[in-house]
Amino acid sequence: MGLKFLRDGVDSGNLVAMFGVNGQPEWNFFQHDWNTFIGAASGKKLEILGCKFASATKWIQNVGLSDMATFSEDGSKTSSPKHPYGLRFSPKPALKGVFPKLHGGKSFAGYNEYLETLKAIPENLSLFDVYAADVPGGKQTLIGTLELEGKVITSKFGDESLFFRHQKMDDDIKLRPELNDKTPAFKCPYKYLPF
């Protein structure tokens, strides 16, 4: 999932979170936690993809969060941003069963049917508790709840013009060098690749 926070006079703050590169075995969007830090991918194709990503950064399993902490909603900049190592979005327990019930427990015929099920989520619902981890493997602290405001909708703008920027973990490590040795770095297992 991607989140975008609009700020006055500066670029929006963005983050992405996921269950894992290998995906999840079921369609239930609310079955698992979503993280800005994930485990390693498995399988040769995804390892090769990881090698390509590693040509840009060695911390391919993390998303940087320091930009989100650098500017406030009104666009003012802080001189010393404080940001967590990562965020975990934990679905509200009641939601784990809501999604399958909305679709009657059947398999999805395709993506459009999946979108229609997402649109059936009750409005103004609390979706995820948000936890911040200060360091890898450290204590996670509840910092808020992600809630719907109104109904889930689809839009042509969202499909064709809305983009989310991934901030590299490199930026966070420059501000917090103590994370360098604690953050898993990807090492390509292949000597020669076709790119």
Protein backbone atom coordinates (compact mmCIF):
# COMPACT_ATOMS: atom_id res chain seq x y z
CA MET A 1 0.00 0.00 0.00
CA GLY A 2 1.09 3.56 -0.49
CA LEU A 3 0.37 6.61 1.66
CA LYS A 4 0.74 10.21 0.56
CA PHE A 5 0.68 13.17 2.95
CA LEU A 6 0.17 16.55 1.29
CA ARG A 7 2.23 19.48 2.59
CA ASP A 8 2.03 23.18 1.73
CA GLY A 9 4.70 24.44 -0.68
CA VAL A 10 6.86 21.27 -0.65
CA ASP A 11 6.60 17.83 -2.21
CA SER A 12 4.26 15.40 -0.51
CA GLY A 13 5.55 12.92 2.04
CA ASN A 14 5.27 9.35 0.72
CA LEU A 15 5.74 5.86 2.02
CA VAL A 16 5.04 2.38 0.82
CA ALA A 17 4.47 -0.72 2.93
CA MET A 18 3.99 -4.36 2.06
CA PHE A 19 3.66 -7.84 3.50
CA GLY A 20 6.63 -9.14 1.51
CA VAL A 21 8.09 -9.28 -1.99
CA ASN A 22 6.80 -12.82 -2.49
CA GLY A 23 3.26 -11.62 -1.83
CA GLN A 24 0.73 -13.32 0.39
CA PRO A 25 -1.14 -16.56 -0.27
CA GLU A 26 -4.64 -15.09 -0.06
CA TRP A 27 -6.54 -12.07 -1.39
CA ASN A 28 -7.53 -10.77 2.05
CA PHE A 29 -5.92 -7.30 2.15
CA PHE A 30 -6.30 -7.25 5.94
CA GLN A 31 -4.90 -10.70 6.75
CA HIS A 32 -1.30 -9.67 7.52
CA ASP A 33 0.72 -6.77 8.88
CA TRP A 34 2.23 -4.40 6.30
CA ASN A 35 5.71 -2.98 6.95
CA THR A 36 8.11 -0.39 5.61
CA PHE A 37 10.82 -2.96 6.41
CA ILE A 38 10.45 -6.51 5.07
CA GLY A 39 12.26 -9.82 4.99
CA ALA A 40 14.34 -11.07 2.08
CA ALA A 41 12.66 -12.38 -1.06
CA SER A 42 12.97 -16.02 -2.01
CA GLY A 43 13.23 -17.54 -5.45
CA LYS A 44 15.68 -16.97 -8.28
CA LYS A 45 13.56 -14.43 -10.20
CA LEU A 46 13.06 -12.23 -7.14
CA GLU A 47 16.72 -12.55 -6.16
CA ILE A 48 17.69 -11.31 -9.63
CA LEU A 49 15.22 -8.43 -9.23
CA GLY A 50 16.85 -7.70 -5.87
CA CYS A 51 20.24 -7.53 -7.60
CA LYS A 52 18.85 -4.87 -9.95
CA PHE A 53 17.39 -2.89 -7.04
CA ALA A 54 20.74 -3.19 -5.25
CA SER A 55 22.36 -1.24 -8.08
CA ALA A 56 20.62 1.80 -6.53
CA THR A 57 20.89 0.99 -2.80
CA LYS A 58 22.09 -1.90 -0.68
CA TRP A 59 19.14 -1.49 1.70
CA ILE A 60 16.44 -2.79 -0.65
CA GLN A 61 14.28 -4.24 2.14
CA ASN A 62 13.60 -0.85 3.75
CA VAL A 63 11.89 2.41 2.89
CA GLY A 64 13.28 5.67 4.25
CA LEU A 65 11.02 7.76 6.48
CA SER A 66 13.16 10.81 7.25
CA ASP A 67 11.54 12.98 4.56
CA MET A 68 8.15 12.43 6.21
CA ALA A 69 9.63 13.85 9.43
CA THR A 70 11.48 16.75 7.80
CA PHE A 71 8.50 18.93 6.86
CA SER A 72 5.27 19.62 8.71
CA GLU A 73 1.84 19.80 7.10
CA ASP A 74 2.25 23.56 6.61
CA GLY A 75 5.57 23.00 4.80
CA SER A 76 7.85 24.30 7.55
CA LYS A 77 11.15 22.45 7.82
CA THR A 78 12.65 21.09 11.02
CA SER A 79 16.41 21.33 11.51
CA SER A 80 16.67 17.96 13.27
CA PRO A 81 14.00 15.51 12.09
CA LYS A 82 13.24 12.55 14.35
CA HIS A 83 12.03 9.49 12.49
CA PRO A 84 11.55 5.82 13.27
CA TYR A 85 13.52 2.99 11.69
CA GLY A 86 10.30 1.61 10.28
CA LEU A 87 6.53 1.43 10.54
CA ARG A 88 4.23 -1.56 10.90
CA PHE A 89 0.57 -1.35 9.94
CA SER A 90 -1.38 -3.96 11.89
CA PRO A 91 -4.95 -4.59 10.65
CA LYS A 92 -7.64 -4.14 13.24
CA PRO A 93 -8.59 -7.65 14.44
CA ALA A 94 -12.23 -7.28 13.37
CA LEU A 95 -11.14 -6.51 9.80
CA LYS A 96 -9.41 -9.85 9.27
CA GLY A 97 -12.83 -11.48 8.97
CA VAL A 98 -14.68 -8.57 7.29
CA PHE A 99 -12.99 -8.81 3.91
CA PRO A 100 -13.81 -12.51 3.26
CA LYS A 101 -17.41 -11.96 4.45
CA LEU A 102 -17.85 -9.07 1.98
CA HIS A 103 -17.06 -11.47 -0.83
CA GLY A 104 -18.76 -14.54 0.62
CA GLY A 105 -15.49 -16.47 1.01
CA LYS A 106 -15.28 -17.23 -2.73
CA SER A 107 -12.26 -16.82 -5.00
CA PHE A 108 -12.07 -13.63 -7.01
CA ALA A 109 -12.85 -13.77 -10.71
CA GLY A 110 -10.41 -10.93 -11.34
CA TYR A 111 -9.04 -7.59 -10.28
CA ASN A 112 -12.27 -5.63 -10.92
CA GLU A 113 -14.19 -7.95 -8.62
CA TYR A 114 -11.48 -7.43 -6.00
CA LEU A 115 -11.85 -3.63 -6.30
CA GLU A 116 -15.62 -3.92 -5.88
CA THR A 117 -15.07 -5.85 -2.64
CA LEU A 118 -12.68 -3.17 -1.36
CA LYS A 119 -15.34 -0.53 -2.16
CA ALA A 120 -17.83 -2.46 0.02
CA ILE A 121 -15.76 -1.85 3.18
CA PRO A 122 -17.96 0.12 5.60
CA GLU A 123 -17.25 3.86 5.63
CA ASN A 124 -15.34 5.64 8.41
CA LEU A 125 -13.81 2.36 9.57
CA SER A 126 -10.58 2.07 11.58
CA LEU A 127 -8.25 0.01 9.37
CA PHE A 128 -4.77 -0.31 10.90
CA ASP A 129 -2.97 0.39 14.14
CA VAL A 130 0.39 2.00 13.28
CA TYR A 131 3.49 0.99 15.23
CA ALA A 132 6.92 2.65 15.03
CA ALA A 133 10.13 0.68 15.49
CA ASP A 134 13.05 2.80 16.64
CA VAL A 135 15.72 0.24 15.72
CA PRO A 136 15.70 -3.09 13.84
CA GLY A 137 14.27 -5.78 16.12
CA GLY A 138 13.54 -3.20 18.81
CA LYS A 139 10.37 -2.40 20.71
CA GLN A 140 7.49 -1.16 18.58
CA THR A 141 5.33 1.64 19.93
CA LEU A 142 1.73 2.35 18.93
CA ILE A 143 1.75 5.84 17.40
CA GLY A 144 -1.68 6.07 15.79
CA THR A 145 -4.52 4.52 13.82
CA LEU A 146 -5.14 4.70 10.08
CA GLU A 147 -8.84 5.39 9.54
CA LEU A 148 -11.10 5.79 6.55
CA GLU A 149 -12.74 9.14 6.10
CA GLY A 150 -15.87 8.26 4.15
CA LYS A 151 -16.02 5.37 1.68
CA VAL A 152 -13.40 3.58 -0.38
CA ILE A 153 -13.62 4.83 -3.96
CA THR A 154 -11.82 4.26 -7.23
CA SER A 155 -10.79 7.05 -9.56
CA LYS A 156 -9.29 7.51 -13.00
CA PHE A 157 -6.85 10.01 -11.45
CA GLY A 158 -5.77 7.40 -8.88
CA ASP A 159 -5.28 4.78 -11.59
CA GLU A 160 -3.40 6.96 -14.07
CA SER A 161 -1.89 10.01 -12.34
CA LEU A 162 -1.25 9.24 -8.67
CA PHE A 163 2.31 8.14 -7.93
CA PHE A 164 4.15 7.29 -4.72
CA ARG A 165 7.84 7.96 -4.33
CA HIS A 166 10.05 5.48 -2.49
CA GLN A 167 12.60 7.20 -0.27
CA LYS A 168 15.81 5.22 -0.04
CA MET A 169 16.97 4.07 3.38
CA ASP A 170 20.33 5.69 2.60
CA ASP A 171 18.83 9.09 3.54
CA ASP A 172 17.75 7.82 6.96
CA ILE A 173 21.13 6.22 7.64
CA LYS A 174 22.91 9.50 6.86
CA LEU A 175 20.83 11.12 9.61
CA ARG A 176 21.11 8.12 11.95
CA PRO A 177 24.47 6.43 11.23
CA GLU A 178 23.93 3.99 14.12
CA LEU A 179 21.42 2.18 11.86
CA ASN A 180 24.10 1.34 9.29
CA ASP A 181 25.30 -1.89 10.91
CA LYS A 182 21.83 -2.85 12.18
CA THR A 183 19.95 -2.59 8.88
CA PRO A 184 20.06 -5.71 6.67
CA ALA A 185 22.04 -5.01 3.50
CA PHE A 186 21.32 -7.02 0.35
CA LYS A 187 24.18 -8.91 -1.26
CA CYS A 188 23.56 -10.19 -4.76
CA PRO A 189 24.17 -13.96 -4.83
CA TYR A 190 25.04 -13.94 -8.55
CA LYS A 191 28.34 -12.96 -10.10
CA TYR A 192 27.00 -12.28 -13.62
CA LEU A 193 23.56 -10.93 -14.48
CA PRO A 194 21.93 -10.14 -17.85
CA PHE A 195 21.75 -6.37 -17.29
